[in-house]
Amino acid sequence: MESRVILLLLAVIYTFKRIAGSDCVFPGEWHGSWSVGQRTIEIGPTTISQNGMCVNREGNKFLLLNKSLSNGKCFKCMVFTLWHHNLLQYKESHCWHHESISDVCSLINGDKPLKTAVRVHSTPEPCPFQGAYTFSYANGTVGVLHCDNPISEIRACSDETRFRFLFKQCPNVPGTYNQELDFECLATWENGEKFLYGKFTTGEKTEDTGSYRCLMYSLYGSRGEMSMSIDPTCQGLQSPSLGIITIKLSKDMSSLPRGSCKFSDFLFRHQKWRDLEGRFLFQLDDGLQMMSIKERKNSDDRFGISVTKLVLRCVERIRQNVIYSHVINSGEFIVHSTNNTCNSFHQCIRVNERVQDVVELIFGDVLEERKFACSFKETMKYILIPEVNTPSLCPLHLQGKYHYTDKASERTGEINLGCREDHEMVIETIGPAGTKSVNILECFQQWREDSATFLVAKYPGISGDSIQCLIFESTEFGVEMQGDILCEGNRRIINNKHINFLLHTPPETCYENIVMQSDQNPRPSIHNTHDSNRMNVIDYPSRGTVVSLNFILLSVLFTFALRWHR
């Protein structure tokens, strides 16, 4: 009798495990969409689309149950290797009626193709080799001759996750062609040999799954070899020198920037600077004396997701501590620039320190030859402040409460400068229907130039937003307050909004406001209630909860089995 109860209990446990799906789950880092050849699969906690539901696992071997076939349910074995968070490789058996994981996985032999899955919308990775190369290549689909005249090129790009192939056609070598293709690096790994996986583009981002390629490479000194697949798999790569498409590399020494220099010391007070509009990040490398200029992809991102638009390497210092009006430090340099179209050239730049933590960066003309003199006729200019910054005192000589008139719209309002908080400017505007709008700015940095006061101010708590450069100048009619994104005083538009106010003088003092505030409760904090990243979240039961539920269900089934037996 006892043996029958034990057998019955074991049957209940087996049935329960089958119902609950056992402990077979795919690792969390695998979840998502993956491109495999010309199709896309979805990996979930317990399922793989087009393949079935996981019912058993041994290490990297997974047994999947597929019920969608016309001949009823069957079982498939899939054996995975995660080489990189962007790349999985696997082999799979055909569908079989056995449900033993060892039996089904034994169907996978050496003839089964190795499939490569790359994560859809992968975040690019830095390429394993940088700089410019020349190369010859052979297209093994039509012959073994190497195309080496004319020589082909690999060009470095400003973004280290990309480089550009310039394939040249050789007249007497079949299977060669003239084509420029950008290669975006997505994954690197080692398995006896070094591998690189990525995607060819024509300069525009594309989701064409046929553009993925696998490369096996070897670099030694200034030379190297590389073999490339002809499809999104890594099939056909036997060694860096033996494959369907083979490439012989040689470092292009002529493209390396000649000479070196050091940028001005005041630039290195901070490793990261930003422009006032919040569009670009300027990142410095003290060791390499290099500046990388990165652009935010969209207005919702800070600089965590960005594209490198330009890389500047200091090659020659032309002038140091040049004296310009209203500049406390300055320097002029020749830099070797590489842009996001993978072109390199020499260019002049000038960096001016307007005041501590406010830098003016001016780009001069591109030089046809480095020996040519610098010219700043056609220039681009940016005002830079540290990416991380803290508020400071507003101009004390302007402190007070002003009534103002907007000279562009004739609207009126009040400006409270340094009264509510000594680092804040509150702008209250009265609309046509008597409605009021309030903007709060935090003072960051200030300086004087002749009769003008310059103030860099920002909206608190909004890191990526535009920062204002405001210019105050006393006139016989009052104080002119004007906006200028370049802090020059001759441009009045910021983000298509005119800032051209007349502040009526004399202002009211801050004393009355301070007395009134001291008799009142502290004002509530002002919060940004807009949160575009908020989303609905479904809370799934924890593993402990699942175990408890499993135990309860198992107890119920066991009790039912005993009663049935009696």
Protein backbone atom coordinates (compact mmCIF):
# COMPACT_ATOMS: atom_id res chain seq x y z
CA MET A 1 0.00 0.00 0.00
CA GLU A 2 2.79 2.39 0.94
CA SER A 3 4.57 1.72 -2.35
CA ARG A 4 1.39 2.56 -4.26
CA VAL A 5 1.10 5.87 -2.35
CA ILE A 6 4.73 6.72 -3.13
CA LEU A 7 4.27 5.92 -6.81
CA LEU A 8 1.10 7.97 -6.87
CA LEU A 9 2.88 10.87 -5.17
CA LEU A 10 5.71 10.74 -7.70
CA ALA A 11 3.18 10.79 -10.52
CA VAL A 12 1.50 13.85 -8.97
CA ILE A 13 4.87 15.62 -8.62
CA TYR A 14 5.79 14.83 -12.25
CA THR A 15 2.40 16.07 -13.45
CA PHE A 16 2.69 19.19 -11.33
CA LYS A 17 6.15 19.99 -12.72
CA ARG A 18 4.85 19.57 -16.26
CA ILE A 19 1.91 21.89 -15.52
CA ALA A 20 4.09 24.51 -13.83
CA GLY A 21 6.64 24.40 -16.65
CA SER A 22 9.45 23.21 -14.31
CA ASP A 23 12.40 25.53 -13.63
CA CYS A 24 13.20 26.04 -17.31
CA VAL A 25 13.57 29.76 -17.88
CA PHE A 26 15.82 31.68 -20.25
CA PRO A 27 18.33 34.12 -18.67
CA GLY A 28 16.98 37.63 -18.29
CA GLU A 29 19.74 39.16 -20.43
CA TRP A 30 18.50 37.09 -23.38
CA HIS A 31 14.97 38.47 -23.32
CA GLY A 32 13.98 40.64 -26.29
CA SER A 33 14.06 40.67 -30.09
CA TRP A 34 16.90 39.01 -32.02
CA SER A 35 17.68 39.00 -35.72
CA VAL A 36 18.57 35.58 -37.14
CA GLY A 37 19.31 35.73 -40.86
CA GLN A 38 16.25 37.18 -42.56
CA ARG A 39 13.86 36.65 -39.65
CA THR A 40 13.34 37.95 -36.12
CA ILE A 41 12.70 35.84 -33.03
CA GLU A 42 11.44 36.88 -29.60
CA ILE A 43 12.96 35.34 -26.48
CA GLY A 44 10.78 35.53 -23.38
CA PRO A 45 11.15 34.07 -19.88
CA THR A 46 10.02 30.58 -20.99
CA THR A 47 9.38 30.77 -24.74
CA ILE A 48 11.11 31.42 -28.05
CA SER A 49 8.83 32.49 -30.86
CA GLN A 50 8.53 30.01 -33.75
CA ASN A 51 10.25 27.36 -31.59
CA GLY A 52 8.10 26.65 -28.55
CA MET A 53 8.04 26.64 -24.74
CA CYS A 54 10.95 25.55 -22.59
CA VAL A 55 10.18 22.43 -20.53
CA ASN A 56 13.64 21.27 -19.46
CA ARG A 57 17.17 22.58 -19.20
CA GLU A 58 20.65 21.19 -18.63
CA GLY A 59 23.30 23.91 -18.59
CA ASN A 60 23.18 25.66 -21.96
CA LYS A 61 20.90 22.97 -23.44
CA PHE A 62 17.18 23.76 -23.60
CA LEU A 63 14.34 21.38 -24.46
CA LEU A 64 11.41 23.15 -26.12
CA LEU A 65 7.89 21.84 -26.59
CA ASN A 66 6.27 22.90 -29.87
CA LYS A 67 2.52 22.29 -30.21
CA SER A 68 1.96 24.33 -33.36
CA LEU A 69 2.95 21.66 -35.87
CA SER A 70 0.37 19.76 -37.89
CA ASN A 71 1.56 16.40 -36.56
CA GLY A 72 0.86 17.39 -32.97
CA LYS A 73 3.37 18.23 -30.25
CA CYS A 74 7.09 17.59 -30.66
CA PHE A 75 10.31 18.48 -28.86
CA LYS A 76 13.33 20.44 -30.05
CA CYS A 77 16.77 20.91 -28.46
CA MET A 78 18.57 24.25 -28.70
CA VAL A 79 22.15 24.71 -27.45
CA PHE A 80 23.14 28.36 -26.83
CA THR A 81 26.36 30.30 -26.28
CA LEU A 82 26.22 33.97 -25.27
CA TRP A 83 29.41 35.56 -26.61
CA HIS A 84 28.38 39.17 -26.04
CA HIS A 85 25.30 40.92 -24.66
CA ASN A 86 24.45 41.77 -28.28
CA LEU A 87 25.15 38.32 -29.74
CA LEU A 88 24.01 34.71 -29.25
CA GLN A 89 25.02 31.65 -31.24
CA TYR A 90 23.16 28.37 -31.19
CA LYS A 91 22.55 25.02 -32.83
CA GLU A 92 19.17 23.31 -32.90
CA SER A 93 17.83 19.84 -33.57
CA HIS A 94 14.86 19.02 -35.74
CA CYS A 95 11.54 18.46 -33.97
CA TRP A 96 11.25 14.95 -32.44
CA HIS A 97 8.53 13.07 -30.57
CA HIS A 98 10.82 12.03 -27.69
CA GLU A 99 10.72 14.22 -24.57
CA SER A 100 14.08 13.19 -23.10
CA ILE A 101 16.49 16.13 -23.26
CA SER A 102 19.49 13.82 -23.73
CA ASP A 103 17.80 11.92 -26.57
CA VAL A 104 16.67 15.03 -28.42
CA CYS A 105 19.96 16.92 -27.95
CA SER A 106 21.87 13.90 -29.29
CA LEU A 107 20.27 14.67 -32.66
CA ILE A 108 22.57 17.73 -32.93
CA ASN A 109 25.75 16.73 -34.74
CA GLY A 110 28.66 18.56 -36.34
CA ASP A 111 26.76 19.04 -39.59
CA LYS A 112 24.11 21.20 -37.97
CA PRO A 113 24.66 24.85 -38.95
CA LEU A 114 25.76 27.32 -36.29
CA LYS A 115 23.20 30.13 -36.24
CA THR A 116 23.97 33.68 -35.13
CA ALA A 117 21.41 35.91 -33.39
CA VAL A 118 22.15 39.63 -32.98
CA ARG A 119 20.05 41.80 -30.72
CA VAL A 120 17.66 44.09 -32.59
CA HIS A 121 18.45 47.78 -31.91
CA SER A 122 21.84 46.84 -30.45
CA THR A 123 23.87 49.55 -28.77
CA PRO A 124 27.11 49.83 -30.81
CA GLU A 125 30.44 48.91 -29.22
CA PRO A 126 33.88 50.51 -29.74
CA CYS A 127 35.60 48.81 -32.67
CA PRO A 128 38.60 46.64 -31.72
CA PHE A 129 40.96 48.56 -34.01
CA GLN A 130 41.14 52.30 -34.57
CA GLY A 131 42.80 54.55 -37.10
CA ALA A 132 43.22 54.39 -40.87
CA TYR A 133 44.39 51.38 -42.91
CA THR A 134 45.02 50.48 -46.51
CA PHE A 135 44.03 47.01 -47.69
CA SER A 136 43.87 44.57 -50.57
CA TYR A 137 41.07 42.04 -50.81
CA ALA A 138 39.97 38.90 -52.63
CA ASN A 139 36.41 37.78 -53.34
CA GLY A 140 36.54 34.01 -52.94
CA THR A 141 33.14 33.54 -54.57
CA VAL A 142 34.68 34.22 -58.00
CA GLY A 143 38.44 33.83 -57.58
CA VAL A 144 41.51 34.00 -55.37
CA LEU A 145 43.35 37.01 -56.86
CA HIS A 146 43.86 39.96 -54.50
CA CYS A 147 42.80 43.41 -55.64
CA ASP A 148 45.77 45.61 -54.68
CA ASN A 149 45.96 48.17 -57.50
CA PRO A 150 44.34 50.54 -56.80
CA ILE A 151 44.64 50.00 -53.08
CA SER A 152 41.50 50.14 -50.92
CA GLU A 153 41.15 52.07 -47.65
CA ILE A 154 39.66 51.91 -44.18
CA ARG A 155 39.03 55.36 -42.74
CA ALA A 156 38.61 56.22 -39.09
CA CYS A 157 35.42 57.96 -38.02
CA SER A 158 34.80 60.41 -35.21
CA ASP A 159 32.62 57.83 -33.48
CA GLU A 160 34.85 54.94 -32.37
CA THR A 161 31.99 52.47 -32.91
CA ARG A 162 32.26 52.92 -36.70
CA PHE A 163 34.77 52.91 -39.53
CA ARG A 164 34.43 53.25 -43.29
CA PHE A 165 35.44 50.76 -46.01
CA LEU A 166 36.41 52.27 -49.37
CA PHE A 167 36.50 49.27 -51.71
CA LYS A 168 38.28 49.93 -55.02
CA GLN A 169 37.73 47.97 -58.22
CA CYS A 170 40.69 46.32 -59.91
CA PRO A 171 40.22 46.05 -63.70
CA ASN A 172 41.63 42.55 -64.04
CA VAL A 173 40.30 41.03 -60.82
CA PRO A 174 36.76 39.60 -60.95
CA GLY A 175 34.39 40.18 -58.05
CA THR A 176 35.82 43.60 -57.13
CA TYR A 177 33.88 46.86 -57.06
CA ASN A 178 33.94 50.55 -56.18
CA GLN A 179 31.87 51.09 -53.05
CA GLU A 180 31.94 53.09 -49.81
CA LEU A 181 30.33 51.41 -46.81
CA ASP A 182 30.25 52.31 -43.14
CA PHE A 183 30.68 49.43 -40.71
CA GLU A 184 29.10 49.66 -37.26
CA CYS A 185 30.65 47.42 -34.59
CA LEU A 186 28.12 45.55 -32.44
CA ALA A 187 30.01 42.71 -30.72
CA THR A 188 33.51 41.32 -30.21
CA TRP A 189 34.56 38.01 -28.66
CA GLU A 190 37.31 35.40 -28.67
CA ASN A 191 36.97 31.67 -29.27
CA GLY A 192 40.47 30.61 -30.21
CA GLU A 193 40.36 33.43 -32.80
CA LYS A 194 39.19 37.03 -32.50
CA PHE A 195 35.75 37.83 -33.90
CA LEU A 196 33.96 41.07 -34.77
CA TYR A 197 30.28 41.26 -35.62
CA GLY A 198 28.62 44.33 -37.07
CA LYS A 199 26.52 45.88 -39.76
CA PHE A 200 27.23 47.63 -43.05
CA THR A 201 25.37 50.86 -43.72
CA THR A 202 25.51 53.46 -46.45
CA GLY A 203 25.68 56.34 -44.00
CA GLU A 204 22.02 56.12 -42.98
CA LYS A 205 20.81 53.88 -40.16
CA THR A 206 19.02 50.87 -41.56
CA GLU A 207 17.37 47.77 -40.14
CA ASP A 208 18.17 45.66 -43.22
CA THR A 209 18.99 42.29 -41.65
CA GLY A 210 20.99 41.27 -44.72
CA SER A 211 23.65 43.87 -43.96
CA TYR A 212 25.01 42.06 -40.86
CA ARG A 213 28.46 40.51 -41.26
CA CYS A 214 30.85 38.41 -39.20
CA LEU A 215 34.62 39.03 -39.31
CA MET A 216 37.56 37.01 -37.99
CA TYR A 217 40.69 39.15 -37.60
CA SER A 218 44.31 39.14 -36.50
CA LEU A 219 46.46 42.26 -36.01
CA TYR A 220 50.22 42.18 -35.56
CA GLY A 221 52.19 45.41 -35.43
CA SER A 222 51.16 47.67 -38.29
CA ARG A 223 49.70 44.80 -40.33
CA GLY A 224 46.80 42.42 -40.09
CA GLU A 225 44.50 39.93 -41.80
CA MET A 226 40.76 39.59 -41.82
CA SER A 227 38.19 37.22 -43.32
CA MET A 228 34.56 38.19 -43.76
CA SER A 229 31.33 36.23 -44.15
CA ILE A 230 29.03 36.87 -47.11
CA ASP A 231 25.83 36.65 -45.03
CA PRO A 232 24.70 37.36 -41.44
CA THR A 233 26.10 34.04 -40.18
CA CYS A 234 29.68 33.31 -39.16
CA GLN A 235 29.84 30.30 -41.49
CA GLY A 236 32.82 29.88 -43.81
CA LEU A 237 35.39 31.63 -41.60
CA GLN A 238 38.25 29.20 -41.07
CA SER A 239 40.99 31.63 -40.06
CA PRO A 240 41.77 35.36 -40.49
CA SER A 241 43.51 34.51 -43.76
CA LEU A 242 41.13 31.81 -44.98
CA GLY A 243 37.53 32.61 -45.76
CA ILE A 244 35.16 33.64 -48.51
CA ILE A 245 36.28 37.28 -48.52
CA THR A 246 39.83 37.87 -47.29
CA ILE A 247 41.50 41.19 -46.52
CA LYS A 248 45.16 42.09 -45.94
CA LEU A 249 45.58 45.22 -43.80
CA SER A 250 48.40 47.73 -43.45
CA LYS A 251 48.36 50.73 -41.10
CA ASP A 252 48.16 53.98 -43.06
CA MET A 253 50.98 55.91 -41.40
CA SER A 254 50.48 58.92 -43.68
CA SER A 255 47.08 59.61 -42.12
CA LEU A 256 48.42 59.92 -38.58
CA PRO A 257 48.50 63.48 -37.24
CA ARG A 258 52.04 64.86 -37.12
CA GLY A 259 53.13 66.68 -34.01
CA SER A 260 51.49 67.17 -30.65
CA CYS A 261 50.66 69.98 -28.27
CA LYS A 262 48.68 70.75 -25.13
CA PHE A 263 45.41 72.61 -24.97
CA SER A 264 45.10 75.53 -22.54
CA ASP A 265 45.09 74.53 -18.88
CA PHE A 266 41.79 76.26 -18.14
CA LEU A 267 40.02 73.79 -20.45
CA PHE A 268 41.01 70.92 -18.15
CA ARG A 269 39.41 72.35 -15.02
CA HIS A 270 36.52 70.13 -16.11
CA GLN A 271 36.56 66.97 -18.22
CA LYS A 272 33.09 67.62 -19.65
CA TRP A 273 31.62 70.87 -20.96
CA ARG A 274 28.31 71.62 -22.68
CA ASP A 275 27.02 74.37 -24.94
CA LEU A 276 24.27 76.69 -23.79
CA GLU A 277 21.60 75.08 -25.97
CA GLY A 278 22.26 71.66 -24.44
CA ARG A 279 22.83 70.12 -27.85
CA PHE A 280 26.52 69.18 -27.59
CA LEU A 281 28.83 67.67 -25.01
CA PHE A 282 32.55 68.53 -25.22
CA GLN A 283 34.63 65.78 -23.59
CA LEU A 284 38.36 66.20 -22.94
CA ASP A 285 41.13 63.60 -22.67
CA ASP A 286 44.10 65.11 -20.84
CA GLY A 287 46.48 62.27 -21.72
CA LEU A 288 45.75 62.25 -25.46
CA GLN A 289 45.12 66.03 -25.63
CA MET A 290 41.94 65.25 -27.51
CA MET A 291 38.47 66.79 -27.52
CA SER A 292 35.40 64.75 -28.55
CA ILE A 293 32.22 66.61 -29.46
CA LYS A 294 29.09 64.53 -28.95
CA GLU A 295 25.56 65.36 -30.03
CA ARG A 296 22.46 64.27 -28.16
CA LYS A 297 20.22 62.06 -30.30
CA ASN A 298 17.03 63.81 -29.19
CA SER A 299 15.82 66.31 -26.66
CA ASP A 300 14.70 63.65 -24.18
CA ASP A 301 18.21 62.29 -23.66
CA ARG A 302 21.04 63.79 -21.71
CA PHE A 303 24.42 62.60 -22.90
CA GLY A 304 24.06 58.94 -22.03
CA ILE A 305 22.88 58.30 -25.60
CA SER A 306 24.83 60.40 -28.05
CA VAL A 307 26.74 60.38 -31.33
CA THR A 308 30.31 61.63 -31.64
CA LYS A 309 30.27 64.31 -34.33
CA LEU A 310 33.88 65.50 -34.25
CA VAL A 311 37.20 64.53 -32.65
CA LEU A 312 39.96 67.15 -32.32
CA ARG A 313 43.60 66.26 -31.62
CA CYS A 314 45.99 69.03 -30.70
CA VAL A 315 48.95 69.03 -33.11
CA GLU A 316 50.38 72.56 -32.89
CA ARG A 317 49.98 75.54 -30.58
CA ILE A 318 50.03 78.78 -32.54
CA ARG A 319 49.54 81.32 -29.77
CA GLN A 320 49.27 81.17 -26.01
CA ASN A 321 47.71 83.78 -23.72
CA VAL A 322 46.74 86.05 -26.59
CA ILE A 323 45.27 89.28 -25.27
CA TYR A 324 41.79 90.04 -26.57
CA SER A 325 39.30 92.52 -25.25
CA HIS A 326 37.22 91.13 -22.37
CA VAL A 327 39.08 87.79 -22.34
CA ILE A 328 41.21 86.70 -19.36
CA ASN A 329 42.98 83.80 -21.13
CA SER A 330 43.21 82.65 -24.73
CA GLY A 331 44.99 80.21 -27.02
CA GLU A 332 45.05 79.31 -30.73
CA PHE A 333 45.77 75.80 -31.99
CA ILE A 334 45.98 73.71 -35.14
CA VAL A 335 44.02 70.51 -34.62
CA HIS A 336 43.66 67.30 -36.58
CA SER A 337 39.89 66.83 -36.93
CA THR A 338 37.91 63.69 -37.81
CA ASN A 339 34.20 64.15 -38.43
CA ASN A 340 31.17 61.85 -38.47
CA THR A 341 31.46 61.34 -42.25
CA CYS A 342 34.86 59.69 -41.61
CA ASN A 343 36.87 62.51 -43.21
CA SER A 344 39.98 63.99 -41.59
CA PHE A 345 41.51 67.44 -42.04
CA HIS A 346 43.47 70.17 -40.26
CA GLN A 347 41.67 73.13 -38.76
CA CYS A 348 42.34 76.11 -36.51
CA ILE A 349 40.52 76.70 -33.25
CA ARG A 350 40.63 79.49 -30.68
CA VAL A 351 39.63 79.05 -27.04
CA ASN A 352 38.89 82.10 -24.90
CA GLU A 353 38.22 82.14 -21.18
CA ARG A 354 35.60 84.86 -20.69
CA VAL A 355 35.44 84.24 -16.96
CA GLN A 356 36.12 81.18 -14.82
CA ASP A 357 33.93 78.28 -16.03
CA VAL A 358 32.72 80.15 -19.12
CA VAL A 359 34.72 79.32 -22.28
CA GLU A 360 34.30 80.56 -25.83
CA LEU A 361 35.27 77.98 -28.50
CA ILE A 362 35.75 79.32 -32.04
CA PHE A 363 36.33 77.10 -35.08
CA GLY A 364 38.38 78.59 -37.91
CA ASP A 365 38.54 77.63 -41.56
CA VAL A 366 39.66 74.17 -42.70
CA LEU A 367 43.29 74.26 -43.87
CA GLU A 368 44.09 72.78 -47.27
CA GLU A 369 47.61 72.31 -45.97
CA ARG A 370 48.83 72.55 -42.43
CA LYS A 371 51.46 75.14 -43.33
CA PHE A 372 48.78 77.67 -44.30
CA ALA A 373 48.02 80.47 -41.85
CA CYS A 374 44.98 80.27 -39.61
CA SER A 375 41.90 82.18 -40.68
CA PHE A 376 38.72 82.86 -38.71
CA LYS A 377 36.63 84.43 -41.48
CA GLU A 378 34.06 81.62 -41.65
CA THR A 379 33.63 80.59 -38.05
CA MET A 380 31.42 78.56 -35.75
CA LYS A 381 31.28 79.67 -32.16
CA TYR A 382 30.07 78.02 -28.95
CA ILE A 383 29.84 79.24 -25.37
CA LEU A 384 30.74 76.37 -23.02
CA ILE A 385 30.02 75.83 -19.35
CA PRO A 386 30.75 72.73 -17.21
CA GLU A 387 28.29 69.89 -17.72
CA VAL A 388 27.82 69.72 -13.95
CA ASN A 389 27.28 73.17 -12.50
CA THR A 390 25.88 74.77 -9.36
CA PRO A 391 24.07 78.10 -8.93
CA SER A 392 25.84 81.18 -7.59
CA LEU A 393 24.90 84.71 -6.54
CA CYS A 394 22.96 86.88 -8.96
CA PRO A 395 24.54 90.29 -9.72
CA LEU A 396 24.35 92.25 -6.46
CA HIS A 397 24.38 95.66 -8.14
CA LEU A 398 21.20 94.69 -10.04
CA GLN A 399 19.41 93.13 -7.07
CA GLY A 400 15.80 94.24 -6.64
CA LYS A 401 12.25 94.00 -7.92
CA TYR A 402 11.65 95.51 -11.36
CA HIS A 403 8.58 96.25 -13.43
CA TYR A 404 9.38 95.56 -17.07
CA THR A 405 8.03 95.91 -20.59
CA ASP A 406 8.64 93.32 -23.30
CA LYS A 407 9.77 95.50 -26.21
CA ALA A 408 8.81 92.82 -28.75
CA SER A 409 5.21 92.23 -27.59
CA GLU A 410 4.46 95.19 -25.31
CA ARG A 411 3.57 92.76 -22.54
CA THR A 412 4.43 93.73 -18.99
CA GLY A 413 5.41 91.97 -15.82
CA GLU A 414 7.76 91.85 -12.87
CA ILE A 415 11.30 90.55 -12.44
CA ASN A 416 12.48 89.62 -8.98
CA LEU A 417 16.29 89.50 -9.16
CA GLY A 418 18.00 87.95 -6.15
CA CYS A 419 15.23 88.76 -3.66
CA ARG A 420 13.38 85.50 -3.10
CA GLU A 421 16.69 83.60 -3.18
CA ASP A 422 20.05 85.26 -3.73
CA HIS A 423 20.76 82.90 -6.67
CA GLU A 424 17.33 83.13 -8.35
CA MET A 425 15.66 85.37 -10.89
CA VAL A 426 11.85 85.13 -11.07
CA ILE A 427 10.19 86.46 -14.24
CA GLU A 428 6.43 87.00 -13.97
CA THR A 429 4.66 87.87 -17.23
CA ILE A 430 1.12 89.27 -17.47
CA GLY A 431 -0.73 88.06 -20.58
CA PRO A 432 -3.36 89.90 -22.67
CA ALA A 433 -6.26 88.45 -20.67
CA GLY A 434 -4.59 89.18 -17.36
CA THR A 435 -3.19 85.65 -17.02
CA LYS A 436 0.16 85.29 -15.32
CA SER A 437 3.04 82.97 -16.17
CA VAL A 438 6.12 82.53 -14.01
CA ASN A 439 9.61 81.42 -15.06
CA ILE A 440 12.39 80.82 -12.56
CA LEU A 441 16.05 81.01 -13.55
CA GLU A 442 19.11 80.20 -11.43
CA CYS A 443 22.15 82.42 -11.78
CA PHE A 444 25.29 80.49 -12.69
CA GLN A 445 28.08 82.89 -13.68
CA GLN A 446 28.45 86.63 -14.28
CA TRP A 447 31.01 89.13 -15.50
CA ARG A 448 31.30 92.77 -16.54
CA GLU A 449 32.42 94.17 -19.89
CA ASP A 450 32.51 97.97 -19.90
CA SER A 451 28.98 99.08 -18.95
CA ALA A 452 27.37 95.70 -19.68
CA THR A 453 26.77 92.86 -17.22
CA PHE A 454 26.65 89.32 -18.61
CA LEU A 455 24.72 86.64 -16.73
CA VAL A 456 24.57 82.92 -17.55
CA ALA A 457 21.37 81.49 -16.04
CA LYS A 458 19.48 78.21 -16.29
CA TYR A 459 16.16 76.64 -15.42
CA PRO A 460 16.56 74.63 -12.19
CA GLY A 461 16.24 70.87 -12.36
CA ILE A 462 16.17 70.64 -16.17
CA SER A 463 19.64 69.40 -17.10
CA GLY A 464 19.35 69.18 -20.89
CA ASP A 465 17.44 72.41 -21.44
CA SER A 466 18.69 75.61 -22.97
CA ILE A 467 20.74 77.88 -20.75
CA GLN A 468 20.32 81.62 -21.17
CA CYS A 469 23.01 84.24 -21.62
CA LEU A 470 21.46 87.55 -20.55
CA ILE A 471 23.02 90.97 -21.04
CA PHE A 472 22.08 93.91 -18.80
CA GLU A 473 23.00 97.46 -19.77
CA SER A 474 21.88 100.72 -18.16
CA THR A 475 20.35 103.38 -20.43
CA GLU A 476 18.55 106.67 -19.83
CA PHE A 477 15.23 104.79 -20.09
CA GLY A 478 16.07 101.99 -17.67
CA VAL A 479 18.00 98.72 -17.78
CA GLU A 480 17.99 96.86 -21.10
CA MET A 481 17.89 93.05 -20.62
CA GLN A 482 18.59 91.15 -23.81
CA GLY A 483 19.29 87.53 -24.67
CA ASP A 484 22.26 86.36 -26.73
CA ILE A 485 23.13 82.67 -27.09
CA LEU A 486 26.74 83.59 -27.95
CA CYS A 487 27.13 86.20 -25.19
CA GLU A 488 28.17 88.82 -27.75
CA GLY A 489 25.46 91.41 -27.37
CA ASN A 490 24.56 91.57 -31.07
CA ARG A 491 22.09 88.68 -31.32
CA ARG A 492 18.69 88.68 -29.63
CA ILE A 493 17.01 85.34 -30.32
CA ILE A 494 17.14 82.25 -28.11
CA ASN A 495 15.18 79.21 -29.26
CA ASN A 496 12.98 81.47 -31.44
CA LYS A 497 11.90 83.46 -28.36
CA HIS A 498 12.83 87.13 -28.24
CA ILE A 499 14.31 88.32 -24.96
CA ASN A 500 14.36 92.07 -25.21
CA PHE A 501 13.05 93.64 -22.01
CA LEU A 502 13.20 97.15 -20.61
CA LEU A 503 13.48 97.06 -16.82
CA HIS A 504 12.05 100.22 -15.31
CA THR A 505 14.25 101.92 -12.74
CA PRO A 506 14.71 102.48 -9.92
CA PRO A 507 13.84 98.98 -8.68
CA GLU A 508 12.09 98.22 -5.42
CA THR A 509 14.49 96.93 -2.80
CA CYS A 510 14.43 93.36 -1.59
CA TYR A 511 14.04 94.41 2.08
CA GLU A 512 10.23 94.46 2.13
CA ASN A 513 10.05 91.06 0.45
CA ILE A 514 12.44 89.55 2.98
CA VAL A 515 10.42 90.89 5.95
CA MET A 516 7.18 89.53 4.48
CA GLN A 517 8.73 86.11 3.83
CA SER A 518 10.07 85.86 7.39
CA ASP A 519 6.51 86.16 8.77
CA GLN A 520 5.18 83.41 6.55
CA ASN A 521 5.62 79.67 6.41
CA PRO A 522 8.44 78.43 4.25
CA ARG A 523 7.39 78.31 0.61
CA PRO A 524 6.85 74.88 -0.86
CA SER A 525 9.44 73.45 -3.19
CA ILE A 526 8.78 73.78 -6.91
CA HIS A 527 8.88 70.48 -8.74
CA ASN A 528 8.84 69.58 -12.40
CA THR A 529 5.67 67.52 -12.66
CA HIS A 530 6.30 66.48 -16.25
CA ASP A 531 7.73 62.98 -16.46
CA SER A 532 7.79 61.61 -20.00
CA ASN A 533 9.49 58.42 -18.83
CA ARG A 534 6.69 57.32 -16.50
CA MET A 535 5.04 54.07 -17.48
CA ASN A 536 2.66 51.49 -16.10
CA VAL A 537 4.45 48.68 -14.32
CA ILE A 538 3.07 45.19 -13.80
CA ASP A 539 4.49 43.56 -10.67
CA TYR A 540 5.18 39.90 -11.24
CA PRO A 541 5.33 37.55 -8.22
CA SER A 542 8.77 37.06 -6.76
CA ARG A 543 10.55 33.72 -6.83
CA GLY A 544 9.74 33.22 -3.12
CA THR A 545 6.05 33.82 -3.78
CA VAL A 546 6.11 31.33 -6.65
CA VAL A 547 7.77 28.71 -4.43
CA SER A 548 5.08 29.23 -1.75
CA LEU A 549 2.29 28.88 -4.30
CA ASN A 550 3.93 25.77 -5.72
CA PHE A 551 4.12 24.24 -2.22
CA ILE A 552 0.44 24.97 -1.51
CA LEU A 553 -0.62 23.50 -4.85
CA LEU A 554 1.53 20.42 -4.29
CA SER A 555 0.00 19.91 -0.79
CA VAL A 556 -3.52 20.12 -2.22
CA LEU A 557 -2.70 17.59 -4.91
CA PHE A 558 -1.09 15.24 -2.37
CA THR A 559 -4.14 15.42 -0.05
CA PHE A 560 -6.43 14.75 -2.99
CA ALA A 561 -4.30 11.75 -3.99
CA LEU A 562 -4.47 10.20 -0.49
CA ARG A 563 -8.23 10.62 -0.27
CA TRP A 564 -8.68 9.12 -3.73
CA HIS A 565 -6.52 6.15 -2.76
CA ARG A 566 -8.60 5.48 0.37
